[in-house]
Amino acid sequence: MTAKCSLSKKLPVEDYLVEERPYCVPMGDEVEEIFPAACRNLLPIDLKGSTGCGKPAEE
């Protein structure tokens, strides 16, 4: 059985699209070492932070 979301009919998606990338400051060696190593080994990365802090959904 497939559940349907009634909100999709009431809230237009276009009003909530992100038009520009969120600002992000790398911490330590995450960009140069950790992210590429995780990608090479097919490992997921858990981005932690409070709601609305700029974590990307999926790219």
PDB file of N, CA and C in Angstrom:
ATOM      1  N   MET A   1       0.846  -1.183   0.000  1.00  0.00           N
ATOM      2  CA  MET A   1       0.000   0.000   0.000  1.00  0.00           C
ATOM      3  C   MET A   1       0.890   1.244   0.000  1.00  0.00           C
ATOM      4  N   THR A   2       0.577   2.187  -0.832  1.00  0.00           N
ATOM      5  CA  THR A   2       1.347   3.426  -0.945  1.00  0.00           C
ATOM      6  C   THR A   2       0.618   4.545  -0.218  1.00  0.00           C
ATOM      7  N   ALA A   3       1.327   5.205   0.673  1.00  0.00           N
ATOM      8  CA  ALA A   3       0.728   6.333   1.403  1.00  0.00           C
ATOM      9  C   ALA A   3       0.846   7.589   0.556  1.00  0.00           C
ATOM     10  N   LYS A   4      -0.156   8.409   0.612  1.00  0.00           N
ATOM     11  CA  LYS A   4      -0.125   9.675  -0.116  1.00  0.00           C
ATOM     12  C   LYS A   4      -0.023  10.823   0.884  1.00  0.00           C
ATOM     13  N   CYS A   5       0.741  11.813   0.518  1.00  0.00           N
ATOM     14  CA  CYS A   5       0.909  12.989   1.368  1.00  0.00           C
ATOM     15  C   CYS A   5      -0.077  14.062   0.923  1.00  0.00           C
ATOM     16  N   SER A   6      -0.954  14.436   1.814  1.00  0.00           N
ATOM     17  CA  SER A   6      -1.953  15.439   1.458  1.00  0.00           C
ATOM     18  C   SER A   6      -1.355  16.837   1.361  1.00  0.00           C
ATOM     19  N   LEU A   7      -0.187  17.054   1.954  1.00  0.00           N
ATOM     20  CA  LEU A   7       0.440  18.377   1.910  1.00  0.00           C
ATOM     21  C   LEU A   7       0.916  18.742   0.514  1.00  0.00           C
ATOM     22  N   SER A   8       1.268  17.746  -0.299  1.00  0.00           N
ATOM     23  CA  SER A   8       1.787  18.049  -1.626  1.00  0.00           C
ATOM     24  C   SER A   8       0.757  18.771  -2.493  1.00  0.00           C
ATOM     25  N   LYS A   9      -0.503  18.592  -2.197  1.00  0.00           N
ATOM     26  CA  LYS A   9      -1.543  19.284  -2.950  1.00  0.00           C
ATOM     27  C   LYS A   9      -1.758  20.699  -2.438  1.00  0.00           C
ATOM     28  N   LYS A  10      -1.382  20.954  -1.196  1.00  0.00           N
ATOM     29  CA  LYS A  10      -1.632  22.251  -0.583  1.00  0.00           C
ATOM     30  C   LYS A  10      -0.432  23.193  -0.657  1.00  0.00           C
ATOM     31  N   LEU A  11       0.776  22.630  -0.662  1.00  0.00           N
ATOM     32  CA  LEU A  11       1.992  23.444  -0.651  1.00  0.00           C
ATOM     33  C   LEU A  11       2.737  23.303  -1.971  1.00  0.00           C
ATOM     34  N   PRO A  12       2.830  24.366  -2.757  1.00  0.00           N
ATOM     35  CA  PRO A  12       3.563  24.272  -4.025  1.00  0.00           C
ATOM     36  C   PRO A  12       5.063  24.122  -3.774  1.00  0.00           C
ATOM     37  N   VAL A  13       5.664  23.104  -4.363  1.00  0.00           N
ATOM     38  CA  VAL A  13       7.086  22.812  -4.166  1.00  0.00           C
ATOM     39  C   VAL A  13       7.952  23.986  -4.603  1.00  0.00           C
ATOM     40  N   GLU A  14       7.558  24.691  -5.640  1.00  0.00           N
ATOM     41  CA  GLU A  14       8.362  25.791  -6.179  1.00  0.00           C
ATOM     42  C   GLU A  14       8.646  26.866  -5.128  1.00  0.00           C
ATOM     43  N   ASP A  15       7.767  27.020  -4.163  1.00  0.00           N
ATOM     44  CA  ASP A  15       7.964  28.040  -3.123  1.00  0.00           C
ATOM     45  C   ASP A  15       9.071  27.667  -2.147  1.00  0.00           C
ATOM     46  N   TYR A  16       9.518  26.404  -2.165  1.00  0.00           N
ATOM     47  CA  TYR A  16      10.480  25.931  -1.166  1.00  0.00           C
ATOM     48  C   TYR A  16      11.791  25.447  -1.770  1.00  0.00           C
ATOM     49  N   LEU A  17      12.023  25.687  -3.052  1.00  0.00           N
ATOM     50  CA  LEU A  17      13.266  25.264  -3.682  1.00  0.00           C
ATOM     51  C   LEU A  17      14.418  26.170  -3.247  1.00  0.00           C
ATOM     52  N   VAL A  18      15.573  25.575  -3.001  1.00  0.00           N
ATOM     53  CA  VAL A  18      16.773  26.322  -2.637  1.00  0.00           C
ATOM     54  C   VAL A  18      17.431  26.779  -3.929  1.00  0.00           C
ATOM     55  N   GLU A  19      17.601  28.080  -4.085  1.00  0.00           N
ATOM     56  CA  GLU A  19      18.130  28.622  -5.335  1.00  0.00           C
ATOM     57  C   GLU A  19      19.638  28.824  -5.326  1.00  0.00           C
ATOM     58  N   GLU A  20      20.247  28.889  -4.165  1.00  0.00           N
ATOM     59  CA  GLU A  20      21.702  29.036  -4.118  1.00  0.00           C
ATOM     60  C   GLU A  20      22.274  28.093  -3.065  1.00  0.00           C
ATOM     61  N   ARG A  21      23.512  27.694  -3.281  1.00  0.00           N
ATOM     62  CA  ARG A  21      24.150  26.767  -2.351  1.00  0.00           C
ATOM     63  C   ARG A  21      24.328  27.414  -0.985  1.00  0.00           C
ATOM     64  N   PRO A  22      24.124  26.637   0.079  1.00  0.00           N
ATOM     65  CA  PRO A  22      24.358  27.181   1.423  1.00  0.00           C
ATOM     66  C   PRO A  22      25.848  27.435   1.652  1.00  0.00           C
ATOM     67  N   TYR A  23      26.152  28.424   2.448  1.00  0.00           N
ATOM     68  CA  TYR A  23      27.536  28.747   2.791  1.00  0.00           C
ATOM     69  C   TYR A  23      28.055  27.691   3.758  1.00  0.00           C
ATOM     70  N   CYS A  24      29.236  27.173   3.501  1.00  0.00           N
ATOM     71  CA  CYS A  24      29.805  26.117   4.335  1.00  0.00           C
ATOM     72  C   CYS A  24      31.290  26.382   4.549  1.00  0.00           C
ATOM     73  N   VAL A  25      31.731  26.293   5.789  1.00  0.00           N
ATOM     74  CA  VAL A  25      33.146  26.448   6.124  1.00  0.00           C
ATOM     75  C   VAL A  25      33.685  25.068   6.492  1.00  0.00           C
ATOM     76  N   PRO A  26      34.659  24.548   5.737  1.00  0.00           N
ATOM     77  CA  PRO A  26      35.217  23.232   6.059  1.00  0.00           C
ATOM     78  C   PRO A  26      35.891  23.232   7.433  1.00  0.00           C
ATOM     79  N   MET A  27      35.759  22.112   8.125  1.00  0.00           N
ATOM     80  CA  MET A  27      36.399  21.947   9.427  1.00  0.00           C
ATOM     81  C   MET A  27      37.553  20.965   9.276  1.00  0.00           C
ATOM     82  N   GLY A  28      38.755  21.418   9.501  1.00  0.00           N
ATOM     83  CA  GLY A  28      39.922  20.547   9.418  1.00  0.00           C
ATOM     84  C   GLY A  28      40.166  20.029   8.012  1.00  0.00           C
ATOM     85  N   ASP A  29      40.378  18.696   7.909  1.00  0.00           N
ATOM     86  CA  ASP A  29      40.747  18.093   6.629  1.00  0.00           C
ATOM     87  C   ASP A  29      39.584  17.375   5.946  1.00  0.00           C
ATOM     88  N   GLU A  30      38.337  17.736   6.288  1.00  0.00           N
ATOM     89  CA  GLU A  30      37.194  16.987   5.774  1.00  0.00           C
ATOM     90  C   GLU A  30      37.078  17.014   4.251  1.00  0.00           C
ATOM     91  N   VAL A  31      37.365  18.132   3.626  1.00  0.00           N
ATOM     92  CA  VAL A  31      37.193  18.240   2.180  1.00  0.00           C
ATOM     93  C   VAL A  31      38.335  17.552   1.439  1.00  0.00           C
ATOM     94  N   GLU A  32      39.553  17.753   1.880  1.00  0.00           N
ATOM     95  CA  GLU A  32      40.709  17.219   1.171  1.00  0.00           C
ATOM     96  C   GLU A  32      40.945  15.739   1.431  1.00  0.00           C
ATOM     97  N   GLU A  33      40.568  15.231   2.607  1.00  0.00           N
ATOM     98  CA  GLU A  33      40.898  13.847   2.935  1.00  0.00           C
ATOM     99  C   GLU A  33      39.682  12.978   3.253  1.00  0.00           C
ATOM    100  N   ILE A  34      38.824  13.422   4.138  1.00  0.00           N
ATOM    101  CA  ILE A  34      37.749  12.562   4.633  1.00  0.00           C
ATOM    102  C   ILE A  34      36.696  12.279   3.564  1.00  0.00           C
ATOM    103  N   PHE A  35      36.172  13.301   2.904  1.00  0.00           N
ATOM    104  CA  PHE A  35      35.131  13.086   1.901  1.00  0.00           C
ATOM    105  C   PHE A  35      35.610  12.215   0.737  1.00  0.00           C
ATOM    106  N   PRO A  36      36.791  12.502   0.151  1.00  0.00           N
ATOM    107  CA  PRO A  36      37.264  11.635  -0.940  1.00  0.00           C
ATOM    108  C   PRO A  36      37.508  10.191  -0.475  1.00  0.00           C
ATOM    109  N   ALA A  37      38.028   9.991   0.733  1.00  0.00           N
ATOM    110  CA  ALA A  37      38.273   8.635   1.242  1.00  0.00           C
ATOM    111  C   ALA A  37      36.959   7.885   1.412  1.00  0.00           C
ATOM    112  N   ALA A  38      35.944   8.552   1.919  1.00  0.00           N
ATOM    113  CA  ALA A  38      34.634   7.924   2.077  1.00  0.00           C
ATOM    114  C   ALA A  38      34.062   7.552   0.715  1.00  0.00           C
ATOM    115  N   CYS A  39      34.210   8.422  -0.250  1.00  0.00           N
ATOM    116  CA  CYS A  39      33.701   8.163  -1.599  1.00  0.00           C
ATOM    117  C   CYS A  39      34.417   6.965  -2.232  1.00  0.00           C
ATOM    118  N   ARG A  40      35.734   6.914  -2.111  1.00  0.00           N
ATOM    119  CA  ARG A  40      36.500   5.798  -2.679  1.00  0.00           C
ATOM    120  C   ARG A  40      36.084   4.464  -2.080  1.00  0.00           C
ATOM    121  N   ASN A  41      35.742   4.474  -0.804  1.00  0.00           N
ATOM    122  CA  ASN A  41      35.381   3.247  -0.098  1.00  0.00           C
ATOM    123  C   ASN A  41      33.870   3.020  -0.018  1.00  0.00           C
ATOM    124  N   LEU A  42      33.109   3.837  -0.750  1.00  0.00           N
ATOM    125  CA  LEU A  42      31.653   3.735  -0.801  1.00  0.00           C
ATOM    126  C   LEU A  42      31.021   3.804   0.589  1.00  0.00           C
ATOM    127  N   LEU A  43      31.559   4.670   1.428  1.00  0.00           N
ATOM    128  CA  LEU A  43      31.045   4.846   2.786  1.00  0.00           C
ATOM    129  C   LEU A  43      30.176   6.100   2.868  1.00  0.00           C
ATOM    130  N   PRO A  44      29.072   6.021   3.590  1.00  0.00           N
ATOM    131  CA  PRO A  44      28.237   7.218   3.763  1.00  0.00           C
ATOM    132  C   PRO A  44      28.873   8.184   4.754  1.00  0.00           C
ATOM    133  N   ILE A  45      28.477   9.428   4.661  1.00  0.00           N
ATOM    134  CA  ILE A  45      28.940  10.449   5.612  1.00  0.00           C
ATOM    135  C   ILE A  45      27.713  11.027   6.286  1.00  0.00           C
ATOM    136  N   ASP A  46      27.741  11.080   7.594  1.00  0.00           N
ATOM    137  CA  ASP A  46      26.629  11.626   8.365  1.00  0.00           C
ATOM    138  C   ASP A  46      26.919  13.095   8.653  1.00  0.00           C
ATOM    139  N   LEU A  47      26.167  13.984   8.021  1.00  0.00           N
ATOM    140  CA  LEU A  47      26.333  15.415   8.262  1.00  0.00           C
ATOM    141  C   LEU A  47      25.456  15.799   9.437  1.00  0.00           C
ATOM    142  N   LYS A  48      26.083  16.234  10.512  1.00  0.00           N
ATOM    143  CA  LYS A  48      25.331  16.573  11.712  1.00  0.00           C
ATOM    144  C   LYS A  48      25.186  18.076  11.856  1.00  0.00           C
ATOM    145  N   GLY A  49      24.094  18.466  12.440  1.00  0.00           N
ATOM    146  CA  GLY A  49      23.836  19.877  12.680  1.00  0.00           C
ATOM    147  C   GLY A  49      22.355  20.093  12.870  1.00  0.00           C
ATOM    148  N   SER A  50      22.012  21.193  13.458  1.00  0.00           N
ATOM    149  CA  SER A  50      20.608  21.468  13.722  1.00  0.00           C
ATOM    150  C   SER A  50      19.865  21.757  12.423  1.00  0.00           C
ATOM    151  N   THR A  51      18.566  21.642  12.458  1.00  0.00           N
ATOM    152  CA  THR A  51      17.735  21.907  11.296  1.00  0.00           C
ATOM    153  C   THR A  51      17.949  23.345  10.811  1.00  0.00           C
ATOM    154  N   GLY A  52      18.152  23.493   9.515  1.00  0.00           N
ATOM    155  CA  GLY A  52      18.315  24.824   8.931  1.00  0.00           C
ATOM    156  C   GLY A  52      19.724  25.363   8.999  1.00  0.00           C
ATOM    157  N   CYS A  53      20.705  24.543   9.407  1.00  0.00           N
ATOM    158  CA  CYS A  53      22.075  25.050   9.534  1.00  0.00           C
ATOM    159  C   CYS A  53      22.853  24.991   8.225  1.00  0.00           C
ATOM    160  N   GLY A  54      22.246  24.435   7.158  1.00  0.00           N
ATOM    161  CA  GLY A  54      22.914  24.437   5.874  1.00  0.00           C
ATOM    162  C   GLY A  54      23.416  23.097   5.396  1.00  0.00           C
ATOM    163  N   LYS A  55      22.974  21.996   6.014  1.00  0.00           N
ATOM    164  CA  LYS A  55      23.357  20.684   5.525  1.00  0.00           C
ATOM    165  C   LYS A  55      22.643  20.447   4.199  1.00  0.00           C
ATOM    166  N   PRO A  56      23.358  20.018   3.159  1.00  0.00           N
ATOM    167  CA  PRO A  56      22.658  19.759   1.897  1.00  0.00           C
ATOM    168  C   PRO A  56      21.847  18.476   1.989  1.00  0.00           C
ATOM    169  N   ALA A  57      20.784  18.397   1.256  1.00  0.00           N
ATOM    170  CA  ALA A  57      19.956  17.189   1.245  1.00  0.00           C
ATOM    171  C   ALA A  57      20.705  16.102   0.515  1.00  0.00           C
ATOM    172  N   GLU A  58      20.575  16.036  -0.778  1.00  0.00           N
ATOM    173  CA  GLU A  58      21.352  15.114  -1.604  1.00  0.00           C
ATOM    174  C   GLU A  58      21.744  15.843  -2.867  1.00  0.00           C
ATOM    175  N   GLU A  59      22.929  15.564  -3.324  1.00  0.00           N
ATOM    176  CA  GLU A  59      23.374  16.202  -4.551  1.00  0.00           C
ATOM    177  C   GLU A  59      23.766  15.166  -5.546  1.00  0.00           C
TER     178      GLU A  59
END
